[in-house]
């Protein structure tokens, strides 16, 4: 017994030393007290001389036994460090852009979390040739290569349970990466979790019209005309409807949602800086506000505006509408922070979203149904689809329709789920469960669920990771 214990201790010591010491963050500016857990920042090299930046935080519980969680923000073209610093990381950036405060609802209280900035061109990630043209398929493969490189640097985590998670356009990134990982038996994939994700352009567009009308955004006259021109025998098709009368009304409805100054990420929150419209001159640069995850056809006029703006004398930056990313940008472009994160001064300035990536991104998948069916068919992976219910970028109704379209056996009918708020039990939202698949809403949360409802979001994450009932 004593010999076995000694071997275990020695093995544990060897595993601790396996992490790349050159990537370890030894001092992070902005914290009044440095963390008790270890954290790392560096690069994972992938095909085509691309270098994907990662920030890895070890579990506060027990790194050797805690699961490994990969987090991917969306866009396409937005940084996962936004998830770390404003949603569920162990420390959250404050409004001064200089200080960090510890997060009581950090995901690394339960898991080792790898925040990956992908694809190349996003955040600190870069390509030697500065060519940032890519697509869904290439991104999935490079993210897989990045994960393999991570395991080479941190072999002590190879046997840990793995979960792939993300939000927004992560609805494409996450399942496409999971399908590729599922072909590799050396990786211990256990499941995926997608928050307010783009699962189907058709479901997202069709459901958004209903969401907008029943949330008071569309007037009754427009609603009557949408029904008249877009619906037949009780079936409404607002997405890519060939009828010109229908498409004109859909454009009018989409304009009300995306272009009048509403916060598309949280209908009931104000816009930071005031109602923005599409474009704003911020003095040193032109700010273009990301229009949401509409279908490629509806993006065409917007993309043309971007091409024209690119010819102006001022730099053009893409910002999520109604969100203030100044604090994150100030913090991550501080030279002392960059040095602490092992990011060379030669690497591009950090922005929350990359115009270069967005403009050169090829959207391969109109729907992620085939990916979900491949994962579900193995009967091995647990899938969670969760949505803040006041988000309009990827609304809950569209994702619920998508989940229903997978035709899985219903195990638990739709019901409220509860969480503890102080000494009270509160309704966190609604949940329904299928075989290896759960759909869940978070009441009152928008697109970034952990930012809006940190307590409820942490309970969802905890129950999912621990495989506890909702």
Protein backbone atom coordinates (compact mmCIF):
# COMPACT_ATOMS: atom_id res chain seq x y z
CA UNK A 1 0.00 0.00 0.00
CA UNK A 2 2.80 2.42 0.95
CA UNK A 3 4.70 1.65 -2.27
CA UNK A 4 1.53 2.24 -4.30
CA UNK A 5 0.95 5.56 -2.53
CA UNK A 6 4.55 6.63 -3.17
CA UNK A 7 4.24 5.81 -6.87
CA UNK A 8 1.00 7.78 -7.07
CA UNK A 9 2.61 10.82 -5.44
CA UNK A 10 5.64 10.64 -7.75
CA UNK A 11 3.40 10.28 -10.80
CA UNK A 12 1.37 13.30 -9.67
CA UNK A 13 4.55 15.34 -9.34
CA UNK A 14 5.65 14.33 -12.82
CA UNK A 15 2.27 15.29 -14.26
CA UNK A 16 2.39 18.70 -12.63
CA UNK A 17 5.77 19.32 -14.26
CA UNK A 18 4.42 18.24 -17.66
CA UNK A 19 2.73 21.60 -18.26
CA UNK A 20 4.82 24.03 -20.35
CA UNK A 21 6.49 26.31 -17.82
CA UNK A 22 7.30 28.87 -20.51
CA UNK A 23 3.54 29.44 -20.99
CA UNK A 24 2.67 29.72 -17.31
CA UNK A 25 1.35 33.11 -16.20
CA UNK A 26 3.46 33.94 -13.17
CA UNK A 27 1.99 37.39 -12.55
CA UNK A 28 -1.22 38.81 -14.03
CA UNK A 29 -1.62 42.59 -13.80
CA UNK A 30 -4.93 43.86 -12.46
CA UNK A 31 -5.33 41.31 -9.67
CA UNK A 32 -4.90 42.44 -6.07
CA UNK A 33 -3.96 38.87 -5.19
CA UNK A 34 -2.56 36.29 -7.58
CA UNK A 35 -4.67 33.10 -7.96
CA UNK A 36 -4.14 29.89 -6.06
CA UNK A 37 -4.67 27.89 -9.28
CA UNK A 38 -2.26 27.80 -12.22
CA UNK A 39 -3.03 29.46 -15.53
CA UNK A 40 -1.25 29.52 -18.87
CA UNK A 41 -1.18 31.57 -22.05
CA UNK A 42 0.57 30.78 -25.30
CA UNK A 43 0.15 29.48 -28.82
CA UNK A 44 -1.03 26.25 -30.40
CA UNK A 45 0.44 25.92 -33.88
CA UNK A 46 -1.77 24.42 -36.59
CA UNK A 47 -1.72 23.90 -40.36
CA UNK A 48 -0.75 26.70 -42.74
CA UNK A 49 1.62 28.43 -40.30
CA UNK A 50 -1.32 29.55 -38.18
CA UNK A 51 -0.87 30.23 -34.49
CA UNK A 52 -3.95 30.04 -32.29
CA UNK A 53 -3.70 31.79 -28.95
CA UNK A 54 -4.98 29.98 -25.90
CA UNK A 55 -5.56 30.94 -22.27
CA UNK A 56 -5.89 27.92 -20.00
CA UNK A 57 -7.07 28.05 -16.38
CA UNK A 58 -6.72 25.01 -14.21
CA UNK A 59 -9.55 23.85 -12.01
CA UNK A 60 -9.81 25.29 -8.52
CA UNK A 61 -11.16 21.93 -7.36
CA UNK A 62 -8.73 19.21 -8.47
CA UNK A 63 -7.10 19.64 -11.88
CA UNK A 64 -6.08 16.00 -12.23
CA UNK A 65 -9.66 14.70 -11.90
CA UNK A 66 -11.70 17.68 -13.09
CA UNK A 67 -12.98 17.60 -16.68
CA UNK A 68 -11.38 19.64 -19.45
CA UNK A 69 -13.77 22.17 -21.01
CA UNK A 70 -13.01 23.95 -24.29
CA UNK A 71 -14.77 27.30 -24.80
CA UNK A 72 -15.34 28.93 -28.21
CA UNK A 73 -16.98 32.31 -28.74
CA UNK A 74 -18.66 33.00 -32.06
CA UNK A 75 -18.80 35.72 -34.67
CA UNK A 76 -17.52 34.29 -36.88
CA UNK A 77 -14.46 36.27 -35.93
CA UNK A 78 -14.95 37.10 -32.23
CA UNK A 79 -12.58 36.30 -29.40
CA UNK A 80 -13.07 33.64 -26.73
CA UNK A 81 -11.27 35.91 -24.29
CA UNK A 82 -14.53 37.84 -24.18
CA UNK A 83 -16.04 34.73 -22.61
CA UNK A 84 -13.16 34.54 -20.15
CA UNK A 85 -13.09 38.20 -19.07
CA UNK A 86 -16.81 39.08 -19.16
CA UNK A 87 -18.74 35.81 -18.75
CA UNK A 88 -17.45 32.80 -16.83
CA UNK A 89 -13.70 33.17 -16.37
CA UNK A 90 -12.10 33.12 -12.91
CA UNK A 91 -11.48 36.87 -13.03
CA UNK A 92 -13.64 39.50 -14.74
CA UNK A 93 -12.38 42.77 -16.19
CA UNK A 94 -13.74 45.90 -14.52
CA UNK A 95 -15.00 49.05 -16.21
CA UNK A 96 -11.68 50.88 -15.74
CA UNK A 97 -9.98 48.40 -18.09
CA UNK A 98 -7.16 48.06 -15.56
CA UNK A 99 -8.41 45.85 -12.75
CA UNK A 100 -9.77 42.32 -12.44
CA UNK A 101 -12.10 40.94 -9.80
CA UNK A 102 -12.54 37.27 -8.95
CA UNK A 103 -15.73 35.66 -10.22
CA UNK A 104 -17.82 33.73 -7.70
CA UNK A 105 -19.43 31.80 -10.56
CA UNK A 106 -16.33 30.88 -12.54
CA UNK A 107 -16.49 27.67 -14.51
CA UNK A 108 -13.00 26.74 -13.32
CA UNK A 109 -14.44 26.13 -9.88
CA UNK A 110 -15.48 22.79 -11.38
CA UNK A 111 -13.38 22.29 -14.50
CA UNK A 112 -10.13 23.00 -16.29
CA UNK A 113 -11.11 25.52 -18.97
CA UNK A 114 -9.30 26.12 -22.26
CA UNK A 115 -10.24 29.39 -23.97
CA UNK A 116 -9.20 29.19 -27.62
CA UNK A 117 -9.03 32.24 -29.90
CA UNK A 118 -10.03 30.88 -33.29
CA UNK A 119 -9.73 31.07 -36.21
CA UNK A 120 -6.37 32.74 -36.92
CA UNK A 121 -6.86 36.50 -37.12
CA UNK A 122 -9.11 36.58 -34.04
CA UNK A 123 -7.74 38.34 -30.95
CA UNK A 124 -4.07 37.46 -30.48
CA UNK A 125 -4.18 34.58 -32.97
CA UNK A 126 -2.41 35.12 -36.26
CA UNK A 127 -1.10 33.59 -39.46
CA UNK A 128 2.43 34.12 -40.76
CA UNK A 129 1.14 35.09 -44.21
CA UNK A 130 -1.69 37.32 -42.85
CA UNK A 131 -4.17 35.36 -44.98
CA UNK A 132 -7.34 35.05 -42.93
CA UNK A 133 -9.63 33.52 -45.50
CA UNK A 134 -11.22 30.41 -44.00
CA UNK A 135 -14.49 28.47 -43.65
CA UNK A 136 -16.46 26.24 -41.30
CA UNK A 137 -14.70 23.02 -42.34
CA UNK A 138 -11.17 24.40 -42.09
CA UNK A 139 -11.91 25.99 -38.72
CA UNK A 140 -13.17 22.68 -37.31
CA UNK A 141 -10.03 20.89 -38.49
CA UNK A 142 -7.65 23.55 -37.18
CA UNK A 143 -9.44 23.61 -33.83
CA UNK A 144 -9.00 19.83 -33.68
CA UNK A 145 -5.28 20.23 -34.46
CA UNK A 146 -5.04 22.90 -31.77
CA UNK A 147 -6.59 20.53 -29.24
CA UNK A 148 -4.12 17.80 -30.21
CA UNK A 149 -1.30 20.29 -29.76
CA UNK A 150 -2.72 21.22 -26.35
CA UNK A 151 -2.62 17.57 -25.30
CA UNK A 152 1.01 17.38 -26.47
CA UNK A 153 1.84 20.34 -24.21
CA UNK A 154 -0.36 19.14 -21.33
CA UNK A 155 -0.30 15.31 -21.55
CA UNK A 156 -1.58 15.07 -17.97
CA UNK A 157 -5.07 15.98 -19.25
CA UNK A 158 -5.28 13.38 -22.01
CA UNK A 159 -7.42 10.99 -19.95
CA UNK A 160 -9.72 13.63 -18.44
CA UNK A 161 -13.31 13.90 -19.59
CA UNK A 162 -13.62 16.47 -22.39
CA UNK A 163 -16.53 18.81 -23.12
CA UNK A 164 -16.70 21.22 -26.06
CA UNK A 165 -18.70 24.35 -25.31
CA UNK A 166 -19.43 27.71 -26.90
CA UNK A 167 -22.03 30.30 -27.82
CA UNK A 168 -23.42 32.23 -30.81
CA UNK A 169 -21.57 31.12 -33.98
CA UNK A 170 -20.11 28.54 -31.62
CA UNK A 171 -23.34 26.77 -32.59
CA UNK A 172 -21.39 25.90 -35.75
CA UNK A 173 -17.90 25.65 -34.26
CA UNK A 174 -18.82 23.29 -31.40
CA UNK A 175 -20.68 20.43 -33.14
CA UNK A 176 -18.40 20.52 -36.20
CA UNK A 177 -15.34 20.21 -33.94
CA UNK A 178 -17.03 17.49 -31.88
CA UNK A 179 -17.74 15.38 -34.97
CA UNK A 180 -14.07 15.55 -35.94
CA UNK A 181 -12.96 14.69 -32.41
CA UNK A 182 -15.40 11.75 -32.36
CA UNK A 183 -13.25 10.07 -35.02
CA UNK A 184 -10.25 10.11 -32.68
CA UNK A 185 -10.50 7.35 -30.06
CA UNK A 186 -7.57 8.79 -28.08
CA UNK A 187 -9.69 11.76 -26.97
CA UNK A 188 -12.15 11.22 -24.13
CA UNK A 189 -15.03 13.32 -25.48
CA UNK A 190 -18.10 13.21 -23.25
CA UNK A 191 -20.38 15.86 -24.71
CA UNK A 192 -21.07 19.35 -26.01
CA UNK A 193 -22.94 22.37 -24.66
CA UNK A 194 -24.08 25.20 -26.95
CA UNK A 195 -25.42 28.47 -25.56
CA UNK A 196 -27.61 30.71 -27.75
CA UNK A 197 -26.07 29.04 -30.74
CA UNK A 198 -26.70 29.29 -34.45
CA UNK A 199 -28.05 25.83 -35.25
CA UNK A 200 -30.06 26.55 -38.40
CA UNK A 201 -30.40 29.74 -40.42
CA UNK A 202 -33.90 28.71 -41.44
CA UNK A 203 -35.09 28.10 -37.89
CA UNK A 204 -33.39 31.25 -36.66
CA UNK A 205 -34.95 33.50 -39.32
CA UNK A 206 -38.42 31.94 -39.16
CA UNK A 207 -38.62 32.03 -35.37
CA UNK A 208 -37.28 35.57 -35.10
CA UNK A 209 -40.34 36.95 -36.88
CA UNK A 210 -42.60 35.29 -34.30
CA UNK A 211 -40.32 36.43 -31.46
CA UNK A 212 -40.35 40.02 -32.72
CA UNK A 213 -44.12 40.19 -33.14
CA UNK A 214 -44.98 38.63 -29.80
CA UNK A 215 -42.46 40.88 -28.03
CA UNK A 216 -44.09 44.00 -29.39
CA UNK A 217 -41.49 44.94 -32.01
CA UNK A 218 -43.66 44.49 -35.12
CA UNK A 219 -46.94 46.28 -35.60
CA UNK A 220 -50.18 44.47 -36.28
CA UNK A 221 -50.42 45.75 -39.88
CA UNK A 222 -47.00 44.34 -40.76
CA UNK A 223 -47.88 41.07 -39.01
CA UNK A 224 -51.08 40.74 -41.06
CA UNK A 225 -49.12 41.28 -44.28
CA UNK A 226 -46.43 38.79 -43.25
CA UNK A 227 -49.18 36.22 -42.66
CA UNK A 228 -50.81 37.06 -45.97
CA UNK A 229 -47.72 36.82 -48.17
CA UNK A 230 -45.49 34.33 -46.32
CA UNK A 231 -47.93 31.75 -44.96
CA UNK A 232 -49.91 29.01 -46.65
CA UNK A 233 -52.25 26.57 -44.92
CA UNK A 234 -50.92 27.56 -41.50
CA UNK A 235 -47.26 27.07 -42.48
CA UNK A 236 -45.14 30.25 -42.56
CA UNK A 237 -41.85 30.48 -44.42
CA UNK A 238 -40.05 33.76 -43.75
CA UNK A 239 -36.59 32.41 -44.59
CA UNK A 240 -35.58 32.87 -48.24
CA UNK A 241 -39.17 32.97 -49.41
CA UNK A 242 -39.18 33.48 -53.24
CA UNK A 243 -42.34 35.61 -53.08
CA UNK A 244 -41.26 39.25 -53.49
CA UNK A 245 -44.14 40.56 -51.38
CA UNK A 246 -43.08 38.25 -48.57
CA UNK A 247 -39.36 39.05 -48.78
CA UNK A 248 -40.06 42.81 -48.69
CA UNK A 249 -42.10 42.41 -45.48
CA UNK A 250 -39.41 40.19 -43.97
CA UNK A 251 -36.81 42.85 -44.74
CA UNK A 252 -39.01 45.42 -42.99
CA UNK A 253 -39.33 43.15 -39.96
CA UNK A 254 -35.59 42.45 -39.85
CA UNK A 255 -34.88 46.17 -40.09
CA UNK A 256 -37.04 46.74 -37.00
CA UNK A 257 -35.05 44.11 -35.11
CA UNK A 258 -31.51 44.88 -36.25
CA UNK A 259 -31.40 48.50 -37.36
CA UNK A 260 -33.56 50.63 -35.08
CA UNK A 261 -31.23 50.57 -32.09
CA UNK A 262 -32.62 47.66 -30.07
CA UNK A 263 -30.13 45.56 -28.15
CA UNK A 264 -30.23 42.37 -30.22
CA UNK A 265 -28.33 40.48 -27.52
CA UNK A 266 -30.80 41.35 -24.78
CA UNK A 267 -34.10 42.94 -25.76
CA UNK A 268 -34.70 44.42 -22.32
CA UNK A 269 -31.25 45.95 -21.81
CA UNK A 270 -30.21 49.39 -23.00
CA UNK A 271 -27.53 49.89 -25.64
CA UNK A 272 -24.14 50.86 -24.25
CA UNK A 273 -23.42 54.29 -25.69
CA UNK A 274 -26.97 54.74 -26.90
CA UNK A 275 -28.88 53.26 -29.83
CA UNK A 276 -26.11 52.74 -32.40
CA UNK A 277 -27.67 52.08 -35.78
CA UNK A 278 -25.32 50.18 -38.08
CA UNK A 279 -22.29 52.46 -38.33
CA UNK A 280 -20.73 55.06 -36.03
CA UNK A 281 -17.70 57.33 -36.44
CA UNK A 282 -15.77 56.97 -33.17
CA UNK A 283 -13.15 59.54 -34.11
CA UNK A 284 -10.08 57.35 -34.57
CA UNK A 285 -12.01 54.58 -36.33
CA UNK A 286 -15.31 53.64 -37.94
CA UNK A 287 -17.30 51.26 -35.75
CA UNK A 288 -19.48 48.81 -37.64
CA UNK A 289 -21.97 46.97 -35.49
CA UNK A 290 -22.27 43.27 -36.16
CA UNK A 291 -25.76 42.62 -37.55
CA UNK A 292 -26.46 39.30 -35.88
CA UNK A 293 -26.62 35.79 -37.29
CA UNK A 294 -29.00 36.29 -40.18
CA UNK A 295 -28.90 33.99 -43.19
CA UNK A 296 -26.15 34.64 -45.78
CA UNK A 297 -28.70 36.09 -48.22
CA UNK A 298 -29.72 38.79 -45.74
CA UNK A 299 -26.05 39.52 -45.05
CA UNK A 300 -25.26 40.46 -48.67
CA UNK A 301 -26.28 44.17 -48.45
CA UNK A 302 -24.38 44.50 -45.18
CA UNK A 303 -21.23 42.95 -46.64
CA UNK A 304 -21.37 45.38 -49.55
CA UNK A 305 -21.43 48.30 -47.09
CA UNK A 306 -18.34 46.87 -45.41
CA UNK A 307 -16.49 46.71 -48.73
CA UNK A 308 -17.27 50.38 -49.36
CA UNK A 309 -16.25 51.40 -45.84
CA UNK A 310 -12.94 49.56 -46.25
CA UNK A 311 -11.99 52.22 -48.83
CA UNK A 312 -12.22 55.06 -46.27
CA UNK A 313 -9.15 56.64 -44.68
CA UNK A 314 -10.04 55.53 -41.15
CA UNK A 315 -9.64 51.96 -39.87
CA UNK A 316 -12.87 50.00 -39.73
CA UNK A 317 -13.56 47.85 -36.68
CA UNK A 318 -16.38 45.44 -36.01
CA UNK A 319 -18.06 45.67 -32.62
CA UNK A 320 -21.00 43.71 -31.24
CA UNK A 321 -23.95 46.12 -31.07
CA UNK A 322 -24.92 47.63 -27.73
CA UNK A 323 -21.99 46.03 -25.91
CA UNK A 324 -19.06 48.00 -24.52
CA UNK A 325 -15.83 46.10 -25.16
CA UNK A 326 -13.60 49.07 -24.24
CA UNK A 327 -12.57 47.61 -20.87
CA UNK A 328 -11.50 44.26 -22.36
CA UNK A 329 -9.66 45.98 -25.20
CA UNK A 330 -7.87 48.38 -22.85
CA UNK A 331 -6.81 45.54 -20.57
CA UNK A 332 -5.66 43.14 -23.28
CA UNK A 333 -3.70 45.81 -25.16
CA UNK A 334 -1.81 46.93 -22.08
CA UNK A 335 1.86 46.11 -22.80
CA UNK A 336 2.34 44.63 -19.32
CA UNK A 337 -0.66 42.34 -19.77
CA UNK A 338 0.54 41.23 -23.18
CA UNK A 339 3.95 40.46 -21.70
CA UNK A 340 2.34 38.48 -18.87
CA UNK A 341 0.40 36.48 -21.47
CA UNK A 342 3.54 35.87 -23.55
CA UNK A 343 2.15 37.79 -26.52
CA UNK A 344 4.80 39.48 -28.63
CA UNK A 345 4.56 43.20 -29.34
CA UNK A 346 4.68 42.24 -33.02
CA UNK A 347 1.31 40.46 -32.74
CA UNK A 348 -1.75 42.38 -33.90
CA UNK A 349 -3.67 44.67 -31.55
CA UNK A 350 -6.44 42.79 -29.72
CA UNK A 351 -10.02 43.53 -30.80
CA UNK A 352 -13.12 41.72 -29.59
CA UNK A 353 -14.07 40.85 -33.20
CA UNK A 354 -11.98 40.71 -36.37
CA UNK A 355 -13.16 42.43 -39.53
CA UNK A 356 -10.57 40.49 -41.58
CA UNK A 357 -11.93 37.13 -40.42
CA UNK A 358 -15.59 38.11 -40.78
CA UNK A 359 -15.16 39.50 -44.30
CA UNK A 360 -13.23 36.45 -45.53
CA UNK A 361 -15.26 33.75 -43.82
CA UNK A 362 -17.00 31.03 -45.83
CA UNK A 363 -20.21 29.70 -44.28
CA UNK A 364 -20.43 26.08 -45.34
CA UNK A 365 -23.28 24.81 -43.18
CA UNK A 366 -26.85 26.14 -43.38
CA UNK A 367 -27.93 23.72 -40.66
CA UNK A 368 -26.07 21.66 -38.07
CA UNK A 369 -28.65 18.86 -38.08
CA UNK A 370 -26.35 16.29 -39.71
CA UNK A 371 -23.64 16.98 -37.12
CA UNK A 372 -26.05 16.56 -34.23
CA UNK A 373 -27.43 13.34 -35.71
CA UNK A 374 -23.93 11.91 -36.06
CA UNK A 375 -23.16 12.67 -32.44
CA UNK A 376 -26.50 11.38 -31.18
CA UNK A 377 -26.25 8.19 -33.23
CA UNK A 378 -23.23 7.07 -31.22
CA UNK A 379 -25.33 7.04 -28.01
CA UNK A 380 -22.16 8.21 -26.21
CA UNK A 381 -22.32 11.98 -25.95
CA UNK A 382 -24.46 14.21 -23.75
CA UNK A 383 -25.67 17.31 -25.58
CA UNK A 384 -27.00 20.47 -23.94
CA UNK A 385 -28.59 23.30 -25.94
CA UNK A 386 -29.34 26.28 -23.71
CA UNK A 387 -30.72 29.74 -24.48
CA UNK A 388 -31.25 33.00 -22.67
CA UNK A 389 -34.88 33.74 -23.51
CA UNK A 390 -34.59 37.48 -24.33
CA UNK A 391 -31.84 37.15 -26.96
CA UNK A 392 -32.69 38.06 -30.56
CA UNK A 393 -29.37 37.19 -32.23
CA UNK A 394 -30.04 33.47 -31.71
CA UNK A 395 -33.47 33.29 -30.15
CA UNK A 396 -34.65 30.46 -27.92
CA UNK A 397 -37.61 29.52 -30.13
CA UNK A 398 -35.45 28.79 -33.16
CA UNK A 399 -33.13 26.56 -31.16
CA UNK A 400 -36.09 24.77 -29.57
CA UNK A 401 -37.52 24.13 -33.04
CA UNK A 402 -34.13 22.83 -34.14
CA UNK A 403 -33.86 20.46 -31.19
CA UNK A 404 -37.42 19.21 -31.84
CA UNK A 405 -36.49 18.56 -35.49
CA UNK A 406 -33.91 16.01 -34.38
CA UNK A 407 -36.82 13.67 -33.49
CA UNK A 408 -35.27 12.20 -30.37
CA UNK A 409 -37.29 10.26 -27.84
CA UNK A 410 -38.72 12.61 -25.19
CA UNK A 411 -37.79 11.49 -21.68
CA UNK A 412 -38.94 14.45 -19.55
CA UNK A 413 -41.69 16.82 -20.71
CA UNK A 414 -41.09 20.55 -20.70
CA UNK A 415 -41.15 21.85 -17.13
CA UNK A 416 -39.65 24.63 -14.99
CA UNK A 417 -36.19 24.10 -13.50
CA UNK A 418 -35.20 25.64 -10.16
CA UNK A 419 -32.04 27.09 -8.65
CA UNK A 420 -31.08 28.54 -5.28
CA UNK A 421 -31.00 32.33 -4.97
CA UNK A 422 -29.89 32.98 -1.43
CA UNK A 423 -32.30 31.11 0.81
CA UNK A 424 -35.00 30.92 -1.87
CA UNK A 425 -35.76 28.61 -4.75
CA UNK A 426 -36.44 30.45 -8.01
CA UNK A 427 -37.51 29.34 -11.48
CA UNK A 428 -34.41 29.49 -13.66
CA UNK A 429 -36.25 28.77 -16.88
CA UNK A 430 -37.71 25.74 -18.61
CA UNK A 431 -36.22 22.42 -19.64
CA UNK A 432 -37.13 19.34 -21.64
CA UNK A 433 -35.00 16.24 -21.92
CA UNK A 434 -34.54 13.65 -24.63
CA UNK A 435 -32.20 10.67 -24.82
CA UNK A 436 -28.71 12.22 -24.47
CA UNK A 437 -30.10 15.63 -25.43
CA UNK A 438 -31.43 18.50 -23.30
CA UNK A 439 -32.97 21.82 -24.29
CA UNK A 440 -33.06 24.47 -21.58
CA UNK A 441 -33.93 28.17 -21.30
CA UNK A 442 -32.59 30.69 -18.79
CA UNK A 443 -35.26 33.19 -17.79
CA UNK A 444 -34.34 36.83 -18.34
CA UNK A 445 -30.92 36.14 -19.87
CA UNK A 446 -29.78 37.37 -23.23
CA UNK A 447 -27.10 36.14 -25.65
CA UNK A 448 -24.31 36.03 -23.05
CA UNK A 449 -26.07 33.99 -20.37
CA UNK A 450 -23.29 33.94 -17.71
CA UNK A 451 -23.01 37.74 -17.91
CA UNK A 452 -26.75 38.33 -17.48
CA UNK A 453 -27.59 35.55 -15.01
CA UNK A 454 -24.32 34.34 -13.47
CA UNK A 455 -25.87 32.31 -10.63
CA UNK A 456 -28.40 30.50 -12.83
CA UNK A 457 -25.80 29.96 -15.55
CA UNK A 458 -23.38 28.41 -13.09
CA UNK A 459 -26.06 26.03 -11.85
CA UNK A 460 -26.77 24.94 -15.43
CA UNK A 461 -23.06 24.35 -16.06
CA UNK A 462 -22.62 22.51 -12.77
CA UNK A 463 -25.53 20.16 -13.31
CA UNK A 464 -24.47 19.45 -16.87
CA UNK A 465 -20.84 18.71 -15.98
CA UNK A 466 -21.84 16.55 -13.01
CA UNK A 467 -24.60 14.83 -15.02
CA UNK A 468 -27.16 15.85 -12.41
CA UNK A 469 -30.86 16.34 -13.22
CA UNK A 470 -32.00 19.85 -14.06
